[in-house]
Amino acid sequence: MRILLKVGITAVALWVATLVIDGITLTGDDTARRVLTLVGVAVIFGLVNGVIKPIVKTLGCAFYVLTLGLFGLVVNALLMLLTGEVAQRLDLPFDVAGFWAAFWGAIVVGVVGWLLDLLIKDD
């Protein structure tokens, strides 16, 4: 149940990012298709963050220390770009158009996800 809650929170955060950031687009014929796309992209985003992010953090530990953690913003942007690319290859109508859209989109997804996680206590 906790995994479904996390996927739902991520899907809502991605939806907010599509509304706020110009370079992140979600297309679809109807609302149901858009919702399913958001859920699919949320699963992809979770898998990318769960598998690749720990490896990058381990290998790039020195960069995190040297930049006082700001390198994490670049890593999150690149992971958002990778999520958009995987979604495109899976024929999901979700697109991230460039680094800066991914950069700001990752920040929006992180903040909205954090706020929703605060609001929905999953004890």
C-alpha atoms as a PDB file:
ATOM      1  CA  MET A   1       0.000   0.000   0.000  1.00  0.00           C
ATOM      2  CA  ARG A   2       2.902   2.340   0.779  1.00  0.00           C
ATOM      3  CA  ILE A   3       4.316   1.874  -2.733  1.00  0.00           C
ATOM      4  CA  LEU A   4       0.977   2.802  -4.306  1.00  0.00           C
ATOM      5  CA  LEU A   5       0.843   5.907  -2.127  1.00  0.00           C
ATOM      6  CA  LYS A   6       4.353   6.933  -3.206  1.00  0.00           C
ATOM      7  CA  VAL A   7       3.494   6.360  -6.882  1.00  0.00           C
ATOM      8  CA  GLY A   8       0.353   8.474  -6.462  1.00  0.00           C
ATOM      9  CA  ILE A   9       2.287  11.292  -4.772  1.00  0.00           C
ATOM     10  CA  THR A  10       4.916  11.217  -7.520  1.00  0.00           C
ATOM     11  CA  ALA A  11       2.231  11.214 -10.219  1.00  0.00           C
ATOM     12  CA  VAL A  12       0.587  14.296  -8.699  1.00  0.00           C
ATOM     13  CA  ALA A  13       3.990  16.003  -8.388  1.00  0.00           C
ATOM     14  CA  LEU A  14       4.745  15.243 -12.046  1.00  0.00           C
ATOM     15  CA  TRP A  15       1.335  16.626 -13.023  1.00  0.00           C
ATOM     16  CA  VAL A  16       2.082  19.857 -11.162  1.00  0.00           C
ATOM     17  CA  ALA A  17       5.446  20.032 -12.968  1.00  0.00           C
ATOM     18  CA  THR A  18       3.645  19.742 -16.331  1.00  0.00           C
ATOM     19  CA  LEU A  19       1.438  22.674 -15.335  1.00  0.00           C
ATOM     20  CA  VAL A  20       4.224  24.907 -14.026  1.00  0.00           C
ATOM     21  CA  ILE A  21       7.230  24.172 -16.270  1.00  0.00           C
ATOM     22  CA  ASP A  22       7.013  25.054 -19.969  1.00  0.00           C
ATOM     23  CA  GLY A  23       9.392  22.355 -21.213  1.00  0.00           C
ATOM     24  CA  ILE A  24       7.599  19.440 -19.575  1.00  0.00           C
ATOM     25  CA  THR A  25       4.550  18.355 -21.533  1.00  0.00           C
ATOM     26  CA  LEU A  26       1.897  15.725 -21.099  1.00  0.00           C
ATOM     27  CA  THR A  27      -0.355  14.979 -24.032  1.00  0.00           C
ATOM     28  CA  GLY A  28      -3.138  12.514 -24.392  1.00  0.00           C
ATOM     29  CA  ASP A  29      -6.554  12.073 -25.903  1.00  0.00           C
ATOM     30  CA  ASP A  30      -8.529  12.096 -22.680  1.00  0.00           C
ATOM     31  CA  THR A  31      -8.149  12.436 -18.933  1.00  0.00           C
ATOM     32  CA  ALA A  32      -7.895   8.700 -18.326  1.00  0.00           C
ATOM     33  CA  ARG A  33      -4.992   8.415 -20.781  1.00  0.00           C
ATOM     34  CA  ARG A  34      -3.200  11.329 -19.094  1.00  0.00           C
ATOM     35  CA  VAL A  35      -3.688   9.833 -15.628  1.00  0.00           C
ATOM     36  CA  LEU A  36      -2.383   6.440 -16.756  1.00  0.00           C
ATOM     37  CA  THR A  37       0.573   8.175 -18.400  1.00  0.00           C
ATOM     38  CA  LEU A  38       1.356  10.035 -15.184  1.00  0.00           C
ATOM     39  CA  VAL A  39       1.192   6.803 -13.188  1.00  0.00           C
ATOM     40  CA  GLY A  40       3.472   5.090 -15.712  1.00  0.00           C
ATOM     41  CA  VAL A  41       5.962   7.966 -15.653  1.00  0.00           C
ATOM     42  CA  ALA A  42       5.840   7.985 -11.840  1.00  0.00           C
ATOM     43  CA  VAL A  43       6.794   4.299 -11.825  1.00  0.00           C
ATOM     44  CA  ILE A  44       9.623   4.971 -14.295  1.00  0.00           C
ATOM     45  CA  PHE A  45      10.787   7.950 -12.212  1.00  0.00           C
ATOM     46  CA  GLY A  46      10.775   5.814  -9.073  1.00  0.00           C
ATOM     47  CA  LEU A  47      12.748   3.043 -10.749  1.00  0.00           C
ATOM     48  CA  VAL A  48      15.292   5.472 -12.196  1.00  0.00           C
ATOM     49  CA  ASN A  49      15.745   7.146  -8.818  1.00  0.00           C
ATOM     50  CA  GLY A  50      15.863   3.836  -6.979  1.00  0.00           C
ATOM     51  CA  VAL A  51      18.396   2.138  -9.240  1.00  0.00           C
ATOM     52  CA  ILE A  52      20.599   4.792 -10.820  1.00  0.00           C
ATOM     53  CA  LYS A  53      20.665   7.551  -8.198  1.00  0.00           C
ATOM     54  CA  PRO A  54      22.481   5.518  -5.492  1.00  0.00           C
ATOM     55  CA  ILE A  55      25.131   4.508  -8.005  1.00  0.00           C
ATOM     56  CA  VAL A  56      25.671   8.097  -9.132  1.00  0.00           C
ATOM     57  CA  LYS A  57      25.761   9.331  -5.533  1.00  0.00           C
ATOM     58  CA  THR A  58      28.382   6.749  -4.649  1.00  0.00           C
ATOM     59  CA  LEU A  59      30.559   7.416  -7.681  1.00  0.00           C
ATOM     60  CA  GLY A  60      30.150  11.192  -7.484  1.00  0.00           C
ATOM     61  CA  CYS A  61      30.599  11.537  -3.727  1.00  0.00           C
ATOM     62  CA  ALA A  62      33.522  13.938  -4.138  1.00  0.00           C
ATOM     63  CA  PHE A  63      31.433  16.251  -6.354  1.00  0.00           C
ATOM     64  CA  TYR A  64      28.680  16.345  -3.735  1.00  0.00           C
ATOM     65  CA  VAL A  65      31.218  17.332  -1.073  1.00  0.00           C
ATOM     66  CA  LEU A  66      33.026  19.887  -3.267  1.00  0.00           C
ATOM     67  CA  THR A  67      29.805  21.617  -4.328  1.00  0.00           C
ATOM     68  CA  LEU A  68      28.170  21.367  -0.895  1.00  0.00           C
ATOM     69  CA  GLY A  69      25.373  19.247  -2.339  1.00  0.00           C
ATOM     70  CA  LEU A  70      24.535  21.447  -5.320  1.00  0.00           C
ATOM     71  CA  PHE A  71      25.718  18.671  -7.622  1.00  0.00           C
ATOM     72  CA  GLY A  72      22.575  16.847  -6.482  1.00  0.00           C
ATOM     73  CA  LEU A  73      20.453  19.340  -8.426  1.00  0.00           C
ATOM     74  CA  VAL A  74      22.334  18.465 -11.609  1.00  0.00           C
ATOM     75  CA  VAL A  75      21.958  14.742 -10.902  1.00  0.00           C
ATOM     76  CA  ASN A  76      18.208  15.150 -10.311  1.00  0.00           C
ATOM     77  CA  ALA A  77      17.870  17.086 -13.574  1.00  0.00           C
ATOM     78  CA  LEU A  78      19.712  14.365 -15.492  1.00  0.00           C
ATOM     79  CA  LEU A  79      17.521  11.693 -13.903  1.00  0.00           C
ATOM     80  CA  MET A  80      14.429  13.678 -14.934  1.00  0.00           C
ATOM     81  CA  LEU A  81      15.796  13.857 -18.492  1.00  0.00           C
ATOM     82  CA  LEU A  82      16.390  10.101 -18.438  1.00  0.00           C
ATOM     83  CA  THR A  83      12.845   9.533 -17.209  1.00  0.00           C
ATOM     84  CA  GLY A  84      11.487  11.612 -20.094  1.00  0.00           C
ATOM     85  CA  GLU A  85      13.624   9.675 -22.573  1.00  0.00           C
ATOM     86  CA  VAL A  86      12.487   6.295 -21.234  1.00  0.00           C
ATOM     87  CA  ALA A  87       8.861   7.463 -21.329  1.00  0.00           C
ATOM     88  CA  GLN A  88       9.284   8.517 -24.968  1.00  0.00           C
ATOM     89  CA  ARG A  89      10.803   5.148 -25.878  1.00  0.00           C
ATOM     90  CA  LEU A  90       7.850   3.405 -24.216  1.00  0.00           C
ATOM     91  CA  ASP A  91       5.482   5.566 -26.312  1.00  0.00           C
ATOM     92  CA  LEU A  92       4.140   7.448 -23.315  1.00  0.00           C
ATOM     93  CA  PRO A  93       3.063  10.991 -24.226  1.00  0.00           C
ATOM     94  CA  PHE A  94       5.384  12.648 -21.689  1.00  0.00           C
ATOM     95  CA  ASP A  95       8.232  14.878 -22.835  1.00  0.00           C
ATOM     96  CA  VAL A  96      11.025  16.739 -21.072  1.00  0.00           C
ATOM     97  CA  ALA A  97      12.502  19.287 -23.483  1.00  0.00           C
ATOM     98  CA  GLY A  98      16.042  19.987 -22.385  1.00  0.00           C
ATOM     99  CA  PHE A  99      18.229  20.330 -19.338  1.00  0.00           C
ATOM    100  CA  TRP A 100      16.694  23.475 -17.852  1.00  0.00           C
ATOM    101  CA  ALA A 101      13.168  22.112 -18.066  1.00  0.00           C
ATOM    102  CA  ALA A 102      14.418  18.958 -16.346  1.00  0.00           C
ATOM    103  CA  PHE A 103      16.299  21.030 -13.752  1.00  0.00           C
ATOM    104  CA  TRP A 104      13.284  23.102 -12.737  1.00  0.00           C
ATOM    105  CA  GLY A 105      10.953  20.137 -13.141  1.00  0.00           C
ATOM    106  CA  ALA A 106      13.030  18.045 -10.742  1.00  0.00           C
ATOM    107  CA  ILE A 107      12.881  20.866  -8.202  1.00  0.00           C
ATOM    108  CA  VAL A 108       9.087  21.165  -8.579  1.00  0.00           C
ATOM    109  CA  VAL A 109       8.612  17.386  -8.316  1.00  0.00           C
ATOM    110  CA  GLY A 110      10.823  17.276  -5.236  1.00  0.00           C
ATOM    111  CA  VAL A 111       9.081  20.145  -3.447  1.00  0.00           C
ATOM    112  CA  VAL A 112       5.536  19.051  -4.321  1.00  0.00           C
ATOM    113  CA  GLY A 113       6.337  15.440  -3.430  1.00  0.00           C
ATOM    114  CA  TRP A 114       7.770  16.561  -0.100  1.00  0.00           C
ATOM    115  CA  LEU A 115       4.724  18.731   0.670  1.00  0.00           C
ATOM    116  CA  LEU A 116       2.287  15.958  -0.221  1.00  0.00           C
ATOM    117  CA  ASP A 117       4.295  13.501   1.856  1.00  0.00           C
ATOM    118  CA  LEU A 118       3.986  15.896   4.821  1.00  0.00           C
ATOM    119  CA  LEU A 119       0.233  16.231   4.326  1.00  0.00           C
ATOM    120  CA  ILE A 120      -0.379  12.502   3.943  1.00  0.00           C
ATOM    121  CA  LYS A 121       1.057  10.798   6.994  1.00  0.00           C
ATOM    122  CA  ASP A 122       1.603   7.143   6.122  1.00  0.00           C
ATOM    123  CA  ASP A 123       2.316   5.715   9.548  1.00  0.00           C
END
